[in-house]
Each structure stands twice: as C-alpha cells, then as structure tokens.
PDB file of N, CA and C in Angstrom:
ATOM      1  N   MET A   1     138.461 134.350  20.295  1.00  0.00           N
ATOM      2  CA  MET A   1     138.864 134.421  21.501  1.00  0.00           C
ATOM      3  C   MET A   1     139.318 133.128  21.640  1.00  0.00           C
ATOM      4  N   LEU A   2     138.941 132.364  21.749  1.00  0.00           N
ATOM      5  CA  LEU A   2     139.258 130.702  21.530  1.00  0.00           C
ATOM      6  C   LEU A   2     140.886 130.655  21.188  1.00  0.00           C
ATOM      7  N   TYR A   3     141.274 131.141  19.728  1.00  0.00           N
ATOM      8  CA  TYR A   3     142.990 130.950  19.763  1.00  0.00           C
ATOM      9  C   TYR A   3     143.686 131.805  20.794  1.00  0.00           C
ATOM     10  N   VAL A   4     143.661 133.243  21.248  1.00  0.00           N
ATOM     11  CA  VAL A   4     143.754 133.557  22.261  1.00  0.00           C
ATOM     12  C   VAL A   4     143.768 132.968  22.960  1.00  0.00           C
ATOM     13  N   LEU A   5     142.852 132.113  23.502  1.00  0.00           N
ATOM     14  CA  LEU A   5     142.730 131.340  24.849  1.00  0.00           C
ATOM     15  C   LEU A   5     144.018 130.248  24.550  1.00  0.00           C
ATOM     16  N   LEU A   6     144.044 129.530  23.553  1.00  0.00           N
ATOM     17  CA  LEU A   6     144.610 128.674  23.437  1.00  0.00           C
ATOM     18  C   LEU A   6     145.945 128.900  23.091  1.00  0.00           C
ATOM     19  N   CYS A   7     146.674 129.751  22.622  1.00  0.00           N
ATOM     20  CA  CYS A   7     148.120 130.129  22.546  1.00  0.00           C
ATOM     21  C   CYS A   7     148.693 131.244  23.041  1.00  0.00           C
ATOM     22  N   GLY A   8     147.567 132.532  23.085  1.00  0.00           N
ATOM     23  CA  GLY A   8     148.384 133.602  23.832  1.00  0.00           C
ATOM     24  C   GLY A   8     148.418 134.781  23.195  1.00  0.00           C
ATOM     25  N   PHE A   9     148.276 134.473  21.686  1.00  0.00           N
ATOM     26  CA  PHE A   9     148.254 136.023  20.822  1.00  0.00           C
ATOM     27  C   PHE A   9     147.051 135.570  19.906  1.00  0.00           C
ATOM     28  N   PRO A  10     146.566 137.005  19.491  1.00  0.00           N
ATOM     29  CA  PRO A  10     145.593 137.003  18.148  1.00  0.00           C
ATOM     30  C   PRO A  10     146.190 136.291  17.007  1.00  0.00           C
ATOM     31  N   PRO A  11     144.898 135.864  16.271  1.00  0.00           N
ATOM     32  CA  PRO A  11     145.014 134.984  15.062  1.00  0.00           C
ATOM     33  C   PRO A  11     146.029 136.000  14.191  1.00  0.00           C
ATOM     34  N   PHE A  12     145.693 137.326  13.827  1.00  0.00           N
ATOM     35  CA  PHE A  12     145.929 138.030  12.928  1.00  0.00           C
ATOM     36  C   PHE A  12     146.602 138.905  13.335  1.00  0.00           C
ATOM     37  N   ASN A  13     147.625 139.352  12.901  1.00  0.00           N
ATOM     38  CA  ASN A  13     148.496 140.477  13.383  1.00  0.00           C
ATOM     39  C   ASN A  13     149.368 141.233  12.187  1.00  0.00           C
ATOM     40  N   GLY A  14     149.748 142.321  12.276  1.00  0.00           N
ATOM     41  CA  GLY A  14     150.567 143.129  11.405  1.00  0.00           C
ATOM     42  C   GLY A  14     150.776 144.451  11.926  1.00  0.00           C
ATOM     43  N   GLU A  15     151.992 144.963  10.679  1.00  0.00           N
ATOM     44  CA  GLU A  15     152.492 146.535  11.260  1.00  0.00           C
ATOM     45  C   GLU A  15     151.635 147.665  11.611  1.00  0.00           C
ATOM     46  N   ASN A  16     149.845 147.145  11.026  1.00  0.00           N
ATOM     47  CA  ASN A  16     149.213 148.257  10.896  1.00  0.00           C
ATOM     48  C   ASN A  16     147.958 148.308  10.782  1.00  0.00           C
ATOM     49  N   GLU A  17     146.499 148.812  10.826  1.00  0.00           N
ATOM     50  CA  GLU A  17     145.241 148.419  10.962  1.00  0.00           C
ATOM     51  C   GLU A  17     144.947 147.543   9.573  1.00  0.00           C
ATOM     52  N   LYS A  18     145.505 148.227   8.527  1.00  0.00           N
ATOM     53  CA  LYS A  18     145.287 148.013   7.461  1.00  0.00           C
ATOM     54  C   LYS A  18     146.196 146.509   7.106  1.00  0.00           C
ATOM     55  N   GLU A  19     146.813 146.174   7.385  1.00  0.00           N
ATOM     56  CA  GLU A  19     147.629 144.786   7.127  1.00  0.00           C
ATOM     57  C   GLU A  19     147.032 143.917   8.229  1.00  0.00           C
ATOM     58  N   ILE A  20     146.146 144.153   9.428  1.00  0.00           N
ATOM     59  CA  ILE A  20     145.979 143.144  10.052  1.00  0.00           C
ATOM     60  C   ILE A  20     144.411 143.160   9.164  1.00  0.00           C
ATOM     61  N   LEU A  21     143.191 143.784   9.132  1.00  0.00           N
ATOM     62  CA  LEU A  21     142.605 143.583   8.560  1.00  0.00           C
ATOM     63  C   LEU A  21     142.214 142.945   6.686  1.00  0.00           C
ATOM     64  N   ALA A  22     143.521 143.187   6.312  1.00  0.00           N
ATOM     65  CA  ALA A  22     143.567 142.564   4.682  1.00  0.00           C
ATOM     66  C   ALA A  22     143.834 140.455   5.012  1.00  0.00           C
ATOM     67  N   LYS A  23     144.802 140.542   6.315  1.00  0.00           N
ATOM     68  CA  LYS A  23     144.914 139.181   6.961  1.00  0.00           C
ATOM     69  C   LYS A  23     143.635 138.247   7.307  1.00  0.00           C
ATOM     70  N   VAL A  24     143.210 139.346   8.126  1.00  0.00           N
ATOM     71  CA  VAL A  24     141.339 139.247   8.789  1.00  0.00           C
ATOM     72  C   VAL A  24     140.806 138.199   7.010  1.00  0.00           C
ATOM     73  N   SER A  25     140.989 139.340   6.219  1.00  0.00           N
ATOM     74  CA  SER A  25     139.575 138.976   5.309  1.00  0.00           C
ATOM     75  C   SER A  25     139.971 137.576   4.420  1.00  0.00           C
ATOM     76  N   LYS A  26     141.495 137.702   4.425  1.00  0.00           N
ATOM     77  CA  LYS A  26     141.903 136.522   3.640  1.00  0.00           C
ATOM     78  C   LYS A  26     142.091 134.827   4.491  1.00  0.00           C
ATOM     79  N   ALA A  27     141.886 135.241   5.922  1.00  0.00           N
ATOM     80  CA  ALA A  27     141.456 134.446   6.714  1.00  0.00           C
ATOM     81  C   ALA A  27     143.049 133.825   6.709  1.00  0.00           C
ATOM     82  N   GLU A  28     144.115 134.195   7.129  1.00  0.00           N
ATOM     83  CA  GLU A  28     145.252 134.197   6.693  1.00  0.00           C
ATOM     84  C   GLU A  28     146.175 134.599   8.627  1.00  0.00           C
ATOM     85  N   TYR A  29     146.117 133.082   8.452  1.00  0.00           N
ATOM     86  CA  TYR A  29     146.637 132.932  10.449  1.00  0.00           C
ATOM     87  C   TYR A  29     146.894 131.655  10.338  1.00  0.00           C
ATOM     88  N   SER A  30     147.823 131.511  11.629  1.00  0.00           N
ATOM     89  CA  SER A  30     148.812 129.668  11.332  1.00  0.00           C
ATOM     90  C   SER A  30     148.424 129.370  13.197  1.00  0.00           C
ATOM     91  N   LEU A  31     148.499 127.822  12.549  1.00  0.00           N
ATOM     92  CA  LEU A  31     148.388 126.962  13.867  1.00  0.00           C
ATOM     93  C   LEU A  31     150.168 126.329  13.829  1.00  0.00           C
ATOM     94  N   ASP A  32     151.412 126.888  13.399  1.00  0.00           N
ATOM     95  CA  ASP A  32     152.460 126.310  13.170  1.00  0.00           C
ATOM     96  C   ASP A  32     153.481 126.803  14.528  1.00  0.00           C
ATOM     97  N   TYR A  33     152.316 127.659  15.036  1.00  0.00           N
ATOM     98  CA  TYR A  33     154.079 128.241  16.324  1.00  0.00           C
ATOM     99  C   TYR A  33     153.647 126.869  17.610  1.00  0.00           C
ATOM    100  N   PRO A  34     155.215 127.508  18.196  1.00  0.00           N
ATOM    101  CA  PRO A  34     155.238 126.470  18.586  1.00  0.00           C
ATOM    102  C   PRO A  34     154.165 126.530  19.919  1.00  0.00           C
ATOM    103  N   GLU A  35     153.440 127.378  20.439  1.00  0.00           N
ATOM    104  CA  GLU A  35     152.329 127.799  21.558  1.00  0.00           C
ATOM    105  C   GLU A  35     151.330 126.391  21.107  1.00  0.00           C
ATOM    106  N   TRP A  36     151.319 126.283  19.483  1.00  0.00           N
ATOM    107  CA  TRP A  36     149.861 125.406  19.067  1.00  0.00           C
ATOM    108  C   TRP A  36     150.568 123.499  19.129  1.00  0.00           C
ATOM    109  N   GLU A  37     151.285 123.210  20.240  1.00  0.00           N
ATOM    110  CA  GLU A  37     152.333 122.092  19.711  1.00  0.00           C
ATOM    111  C   GLU A  37     151.057 120.738  20.775  1.00  0.00           C
ATOM    112  N   TYR A  38     150.831 121.663  21.568  1.00  0.00           N
ATOM    113  CA  TYR A  38     150.123 120.525  22.369  1.00  0.00           C
ATOM    114  C   TYR A  38     148.810 120.671  22.528  1.00  0.00           C
ATOM    115  N   VAL A  39     147.933 121.269  21.480  1.00  0.00           N
ATOM    116  CA  VAL A  39     147.033 121.748  21.334  1.00  0.00           C
ATOM    117  C   VAL A  39     146.106 121.306  20.247  1.00  0.00           C
ATOM    118  N   SER A  40     144.969 119.908  20.920  1.00  0.00           N
ATOM    119  CA  SER A  40     144.606 118.887  20.431  1.00  0.00           C
ATOM    120  C   SER A  40     144.252 118.987  18.710  1.00  0.00           C
ATOM    121  N   ASP A  41     143.880 118.382  18.063  1.00  0.00           N
ATOM    122  CA  ASP A  41     143.429 118.469  17.234  1.00  0.00           C
ATOM    123  C   ASP A  41     141.784 118.730  16.624  1.00  0.00           C
ATOM    124  N   GLN A  42     141.264 118.126  17.575  1.00  0.00           N
ATOM    125  CA  GLN A  42     139.486 118.821  18.169  1.00  0.00           C
ATOM    126  C   GLN A  42     139.784 120.208  18.368  1.00  0.00           C
ATOM    127  N   ALA A  43     140.266 121.137  18.774  1.00  0.00           N
ATOM    128  CA  ALA A  43     140.454 122.326  19.215  1.00  0.00           C
ATOM    129  C   ALA A  43     140.863 123.000  18.065  1.00  0.00           C
ATOM    130  N   ARG A  44     142.435 122.276  17.154  1.00  0.00           N
ATOM    131  CA  ARG A  44     142.483 123.024  16.030  1.00  0.00           C
ATOM    132  C   ARG A  44     141.766 123.380  15.191  1.00  0.00           C
ATOM    133  N   ASN A  45     140.733 122.232  14.759  1.00  0.00           N
ATOM    134  CA  ASN A  45     139.530 121.820  13.851  1.00  0.00           C
ATOM    135  C   ASN A  45     138.242 123.145  14.278  1.00  0.00           C
ATOM    136  N   LEU A  46     138.265 122.968  15.965  1.00  0.00           N
ATOM    137  CA  LEU A  46     137.325 124.353  16.118  1.00  0.00           C
ATOM    138  C   LEU A  46     137.882 125.451  16.100  1.00  0.00           C
ATOM    139  N   VAL A  47     138.780 125.905  16.082  1.00  0.00           N
ATOM    140  CA  VAL A  47     139.127 126.888  15.650  1.00  0.00           C
ATOM    141  C   VAL A  47     139.359 127.386  14.306  1.00  0.00           C
ATOM    142  N   GLY A  48     139.731 126.674  13.378  1.00  0.00           N
ATOM    143  CA  GLY A  48     139.761 126.696  11.508  1.00  0.00           C
ATOM    144  C   GLY A  48     137.663 126.698  11.479  1.00  0.00           C
ATOM    145  N   ARG A  49     137.408 126.298  12.245  1.00  0.00           N
ATOM    146  CA  ARG A  49     135.434 126.008  12.066  1.00  0.00           C
ATOM    147  C   ARG A  49     134.949 127.843  12.250  1.00  0.00           C
ATOM    148  N   LEU A  50     135.782 128.175  13.422  1.00  0.00           N
ATOM    149  CA  LEU A  50     136.055 129.259  14.053  1.00  0.00           C
ATOM    150  C   LEU A  50     135.991 130.386  13.136  1.00  0.00           C
ATOM    151  N   LEU A  51     137.089 130.523  12.323  1.00  0.00           N
ATOM    152  CA  LEU A  51     138.027 131.344  11.826  1.00  0.00           C
ATOM    153  C   LEU A  51     137.618 131.419  10.129  1.00  0.00           C
ATOM    154  N   ASP A  52     136.659 130.072   9.623  1.00  0.00           N
ATOM    155  CA  ASP A  52     136.441 130.348   7.966  1.00  0.00           C
ATOM    156  C   ASP A  52     135.975 131.640   8.133  1.00  0.00           C
ATOM    157  N   PRO A  53     136.416 131.900   6.786  1.00  0.00           N
ATOM    158  CA  PRO A  53     136.444 133.247   5.896  1.00  0.00           C
ATOM    159  C   PRO A  53     135.265 133.411   5.284  1.00  0.00           C
ATOM    160  N   ASN A  54     134.414 132.286   5.155  1.00  0.00           N
ATOM    161  CA  ASN A  54     133.195 132.211   4.396  1.00  0.00           C
ATOM    162  C   ASN A  54     131.944 132.048   5.364  1.00  0.00           C
ATOM    163  N   PRO A  55     131.589 133.596   5.292  1.00  0.00           N
ATOM    164  CA  PRO A  55     129.958 133.383   6.533  1.00  0.00           C
ATOM    165  C   PRO A  55     129.363 132.139   6.381  1.00  0.00           C
ATOM    166  N   GLU A  56     129.228 131.911   5.327  1.00  0.00           N
ATOM    167  CA  GLU A  56     127.743 130.389   5.085  1.00  0.00           C
ATOM    168  C   GLU A  56     128.606 129.348   6.037  1.00  0.00           C
ATOM    169  N   GLN A  57     129.678 129.124   5.698  1.00  0.00           N
ATOM    170  CA  GLN A  57     130.132 127.898   6.417  1.00  0.00           C
ATOM    171  C   GLN A  57     130.726 128.154   8.065  1.00  0.00           C
ATOM    172  N   ARG A  58     130.937 129.303   7.766  1.00  0.00           N
ATOM    173  CA  ARG A  58     131.877 129.853   9.166  1.00  0.00           C
ATOM    174  C   ARG A  58     130.352 130.097  10.474  1.00  0.00           C
ATOM    175  N   ILE A  59     131.145 128.390  11.499  1.00  0.00           N
ATOM    176  CA  ILE A  59     129.887 128.403  12.580  1.00  0.00           C
ATOM    177  C   ILE A  59     130.114 129.528  13.730  1.00  0.00           C
ATOM    178  N   SER A  60     128.263 129.352  14.607  1.00  0.00           N
ATOM    179  CA  SER A  60     128.296 130.371  15.234  1.00  0.00           C
ATOM    180  C   SER A  60     129.027 129.967  16.434  1.00  0.00           C
ATOM    181  N   ALA A  61     128.586 130.865  17.508  1.00  0.00           N
ATOM    182  CA  ALA A  61     129.212 130.689  19.066  1.00  0.00           C
ATOM    183  C   ALA A  61     128.267 129.908  19.347  1.00  0.00           C
ATOM    184  N   GLU A  62     127.403 129.903  19.139  1.00  0.00           N
ATOM    185  CA  GLU A  62     126.066 128.488  19.984  1.00  0.00           C
ATOM    186  C   GLU A  62     126.592 127.337  19.163  1.00  0.00           C
ATOM    187  N   GLU A  63     127.101 127.081  17.345  1.00  0.00           N
ATOM    188  CA  GLU A  63     126.976 125.799  17.023  1.00  0.00           C
ATOM    189  C   GLU A  63     128.281 126.001  18.081  1.00  0.00           C
ATOM    190  N   ALA A  64     129.314 126.380  17.993  1.00  0.00           N
ATOM    191  CA  ALA A  64     130.954 125.960  18.495  1.00  0.00           C
ATOM    192  C   ALA A  64     130.744 125.059  19.663  1.00  0.00           C
ATOM    193  N   LEU A  65     129.842 125.616  21.020  1.00  0.00           N
ATOM    194  CA  LEU A  65     129.388 125.010  22.385  1.00  0.00           C
ATOM    195  C   LEU A  65     128.868 124.027  22.131  1.00  0.00           C
ATOM    196  N   THR A  66     128.476 123.346  20.782  1.00  0.00           N
ATOM    197  CA  THR A  66     127.967 122.284  20.827  1.00  0.00           C
ATOM    198  C   THR A  66     129.056 120.630  19.919  1.00  0.00           C
ATOM    199  N   ASP A  67     130.198 121.517  19.686  1.00  0.00           N
ATOM    200  CA  ASP A  67     131.529 121.205  18.770  1.00  0.00           C
ATOM    201  C   ASP A  67     132.160 119.877  20.138  1.00  0.00           C
ATOM    202  N   PRO A  68     132.342 118.651  19.707  1.00  0.00           N
ATOM    203  CA  PRO A  68     132.981 117.847  20.246  1.00  0.00           C
ATOM    204  C   PRO A  68     134.034 118.078  21.548  1.00  0.00           C
ATOM    205  N   TRP A  69     134.658 119.171  21.037  1.00  0.00           N
ATOM    206  CA  TRP A  69     136.067 119.550  22.104  1.00  0.00           C
ATOM    207  C   TRP A  69     135.334 120.450  23.130  1.00  0.00           C
ATOM    208  N   PHE A  70     134.451 120.992  22.441  1.00  0.00           N
ATOM    209  CA  PHE A  70     133.270 121.741  23.664  1.00  0.00           C
ATOM    210  C   PHE A  70     132.737 120.640  24.670  1.00  0.00           C
ATOM    211  N   LYS A  71     132.201 119.955  24.489  1.00  0.00           N
ATOM    212  CA  LYS A  71     131.824 119.267  25.039  1.00  0.00           C
ATOM    213  C   LYS A  71     132.426 118.326  25.932  1.00  0.00           C
ATOM    214  N   MET A  72     133.810 117.463  25.554  1.00  0.00           N
ATOM    215  CA  MET A  72     134.695 116.744  26.040  1.00  0.00           C
ATOM    216  C   MET A  72     135.718 117.506  27.325  1.00  0.00           C
ATOM    217  N   MET A  73     135.464 119.550  27.167  1.00  0.00           N
ATOM    218  CA  MET A  73     135.896 119.690  27.810  1.00  0.00           C
ATOM    219  C   MET A  73     135.048 119.831  29.149  1.00  0.00           C
ATOM    220  N   LEU A  74     133.794 120.714  28.431  1.00  0.00           N
ATOM    221  CA  LEU A  74     132.819 120.899  29.602  1.00  0.00           C
ATOM    222  C   LEU A  74     131.878 119.519  30.543  1.00  0.00           C
ATOM    223  N   GLY A  75     132.447 118.424  29.803  1.00  0.00           N
ATOM    224  CA  GLY A  75     132.086 116.985  30.675  1.00  0.00           C
ATOM    225  C   GLY A  75     133.197 116.791  31.649  1.00  0.00           C
ATOM    226  N   GLU A  76     134.186 117.589  31.440  1.00  0.00           N
ATOM    227  CA  GLU A  76     135.661 116.979  32.494  1.00  0.00           C
ATOM    228  C   GLU A  76     134.712 116.947  34.067  1.00  0.00           C
ATOM    229  N   THR A  77     135.104 116.199  34.989  1.00  0.00           N
ATOM    230  CA  THR A  77     134.757 116.666  36.371  1.00  0.00           C
ATOM    231  C   THR A  77     136.184 117.012  37.044  1.00  0.00           C
ATOM    232  N   CYS A  78     137.226 117.327  36.858  1.00  0.00           N
ATOM    233  CA  CYS A  78     138.598 117.426  37.421  1.00  0.00           C
ATOM    234  C   CYS A  78     139.033 118.605  36.696  1.00  0.00           C
ATOM    235  N   LEU A  79     139.590 119.382  36.941  1.00  0.00           N
ATOM    236  CA  LEU A  79     139.941 120.357  36.029  1.00  0.00           C
ATOM    237  C   LEU A  79     141.598 119.973  35.670  1.00  0.00           C
ATOM    238  N   ASP A  80     141.992 120.067  34.107  1.00  0.00           N
ATOM    239  CA  ASP A  80     143.226 119.864  34.012  1.00  0.00           C
ATOM    240  C   ASP A  80     143.998 121.139  34.091  1.00  0.00           C
ATOM    241  N   LYS A  81     145.008 120.963  35.568  1.00  0.00           N
ATOM    242  CA  LYS A  81     145.891 121.814  36.044  1.00  0.00           C
ATOM    243  C   LYS A  81     146.417 122.391  35.145  1.00  0.00           C
ATOM    244  N   PRO A  82     147.190 121.779  34.114  1.00  0.00           N
ATOM    245  CA  PRO A  82     148.247 122.373  33.394  1.00  0.00           C
ATOM    246  C   PRO A  82     147.684 123.215  32.122  1.00  0.00           C
ATOM    247  N   LEU A  83     146.655 123.049  31.658  1.00  0.00           N
ATOM    248  CA  LEU A  83     145.816 123.780  30.826  1.00  0.00           C
ATOM    249  C   LEU A  83     145.340 125.165  31.283  1.00  0.00           C
ATOM    250  N   ALA A  84     145.121 124.743  32.295  1.00  0.00           N
ATOM    251  CA  ALA A  84     144.315 125.808  33.388  1.00  0.00           C
ATOM    252  C   ALA A  84     145.345 127.022  33.390  1.00  0.00           C
ATOM    253  N   ILE A  85     146.623 126.279  33.522  1.00  0.00           N
ATOM    254  CA  ILE A  85     147.848 127.768  33.946  1.00  0.00           C
ATOM    255  C   ILE A  85     148.153 128.484  32.954  1.00  0.00           C
ATOM    256  N   SER A  86     148.534 127.275  31.949  1.00  0.00           N
ATOM    257  CA  SER A  86     148.761 128.000  30.292  1.00  0.00           C
ATOM    258  C   SER A  86     147.384 128.754  29.688  1.00  0.00           C
ATOM    259  N   THR A  87     146.558 128.493  29.979  1.00  0.00           N
ATOM    260  CA  THR A  87     145.601 129.360  29.730  1.00  0.00           C
ATOM    261  C   THR A  87     145.527 130.938  30.814  1.00  0.00           C
ATOM    262  N   LEU A  88     145.472 130.409  31.670  1.00  0.00           N
ATOM    263  CA  LEU A  88     145.405 131.925  32.369  1.00  0.00           C
ATOM    264  C   LEU A  88     146.947 132.470  32.057  1.00  0.00           C
ATOM    265  N   LYS A  89     148.117 131.736  32.011  1.00  0.00           N
ATOM    266  CA  LYS A  89     148.993 132.466  31.110  1.00  0.00           C
ATOM    267  C   LYS A  89     149.126 133.228  30.211  1.00  0.00           C
ATOM    268  N   ASN A  90     148.517 132.657  28.920  1.00  0.00           N
ATOM    269  CA  ASN A  90     148.240 133.545  27.840  1.00  0.00           C
ATOM    270  C   ASN A  90     146.958 134.539  28.077  1.00  0.00           C
ATOM    271  N   LEU A  91     146.193 134.582  28.766  1.00  0.00           N
ATOM    272  CA  LEU A  91     145.512 135.761  29.232  1.00  0.00           C
ATOM    273  C   LEU A  91     145.797 136.650  29.694  1.00  0.00           C
ATOM    274  N   GLN A  92     146.632 136.487  30.676  1.00  0.00           N
ATOM    275  CA  GLN A  92     147.453 137.843  31.467  1.00  0.00           C
ATOM    276  C   GLN A  92     148.612 138.361  29.811  1.00  0.00           C
ATOM    277  N   GLN A  93     149.526 137.536  29.484  1.00  0.00           N
ATOM    278  CA  GLN A  93     150.081 138.368  28.566  1.00  0.00           C
ATOM    279  C   GLN A  93     149.366 138.898  27.453  1.00  0.00           C
ATOM    280  N   PHE A  94     148.455 138.284  27.231  1.00  0.00           N
ATOM    281  CA  PHE A  94     148.000 138.794  26.207  1.00  0.00           C
ATOM    282  C   PHE A  94     146.952 140.641  26.111  1.00  0.00           C
ATOM    283  N   ARG A  95     146.673 140.183  27.594  1.00  0.00           N
ATOM    284  CA  ARG A  95     146.634 141.811  28.013  1.00  0.00           C
ATOM    285  C   ARG A  95     147.727 143.040  28.388  1.00  0.00           C
ATOM    286  N   VAL A  96     148.610 142.202  28.345  1.00  0.00           N
ATOM    287  CA  VAL A  96     150.038 142.720  28.735  1.00  0.00           C
ATOM    288  C   VAL A  96     150.250 143.588  27.245  1.00  0.00           C
ATOM    289  N   ARG A  97     150.575 142.330  26.765  1.00  0.00           N
ATOM    290  CA  ARG A  97     150.837 142.833  25.247  1.00  0.00           C
ATOM    291  C   ARG A  97     149.752 144.263  24.044  1.00  0.00           C
ATOM    292  N   TYR A  98     148.550 143.641  24.565  1.00  0.00           N
ATOM    293  CA  TYR A  98     147.736 144.426  23.844  1.00  0.00           C
ATOM    294  C   TYR A  98     146.700 145.778  24.428  1.00  0.00           C
ATOM    295  N   PHE A  99     146.935 145.441  25.482  1.00  0.00           N
ATOM    296  CA  PHE A  99     146.275 146.298  26.678  1.00  0.00           C
ATOM    297  C   PHE A  99     146.442 147.396  27.663  1.00  0.00           C
ATOM    298  N   CYS A 100     148.390 146.883  27.526  1.00  0.00           N
ATOM    299  CA  CYS A 100     148.583 147.986  28.760  1.00  0.00           C
ATOM    300  C   CYS A 100     149.677 148.809  28.053  1.00  0.00           C
TER     301      CYS A 100
END
C-alpha cells in the first residue's frame, strides 16, 4: 500500500494474474517512474525493505512504523499539503484504475 500511496499504482503489474504473480515472486518492481522523482531516498528505502522477496529479511508492518521515514512523517506538526494532495490523487487514481 505504501508503494501505491507514494506513486498511484501497484508495484507489480502484468497482462494476467500469472504474469503478476511471477513478478511478485521475483520482486520485479521499479522506482524509476516519473512519479518517484520527488519521493525521498528514505521512503524509497522503506518501500524496498517492505517488498524484499526474502521473508526472513522483509520487515513487518510493525517494524515499518519504527522506520526513520515514518518517524519523520508522523513527527511533523504541520501537514505537507503538496504531498497530501498528491497522495489523495494517487489513491483516487488507483481506485478508478483497479476497482471501477
């Protein structure tokens, strides 16, 4: 979900379910899309740790919440309006593309 929130589309896509599952099992995703241009290195690192194909190395949701990026984001006293607007648009686009 963090990947979707940050860029507006899922990390794994394909022509059919089999193709998507093959990409999931190999952790074939990219952060080289234009939507990732302004995403911080800390957020990119966290996404990589969440999508690690090795379950022994992949972090849990609880561990993710202790990540420095989350701590920084949760510690903000004022809302980053451009980021909030972008995140909302990403969620709306995801909903339209995948659920409508």
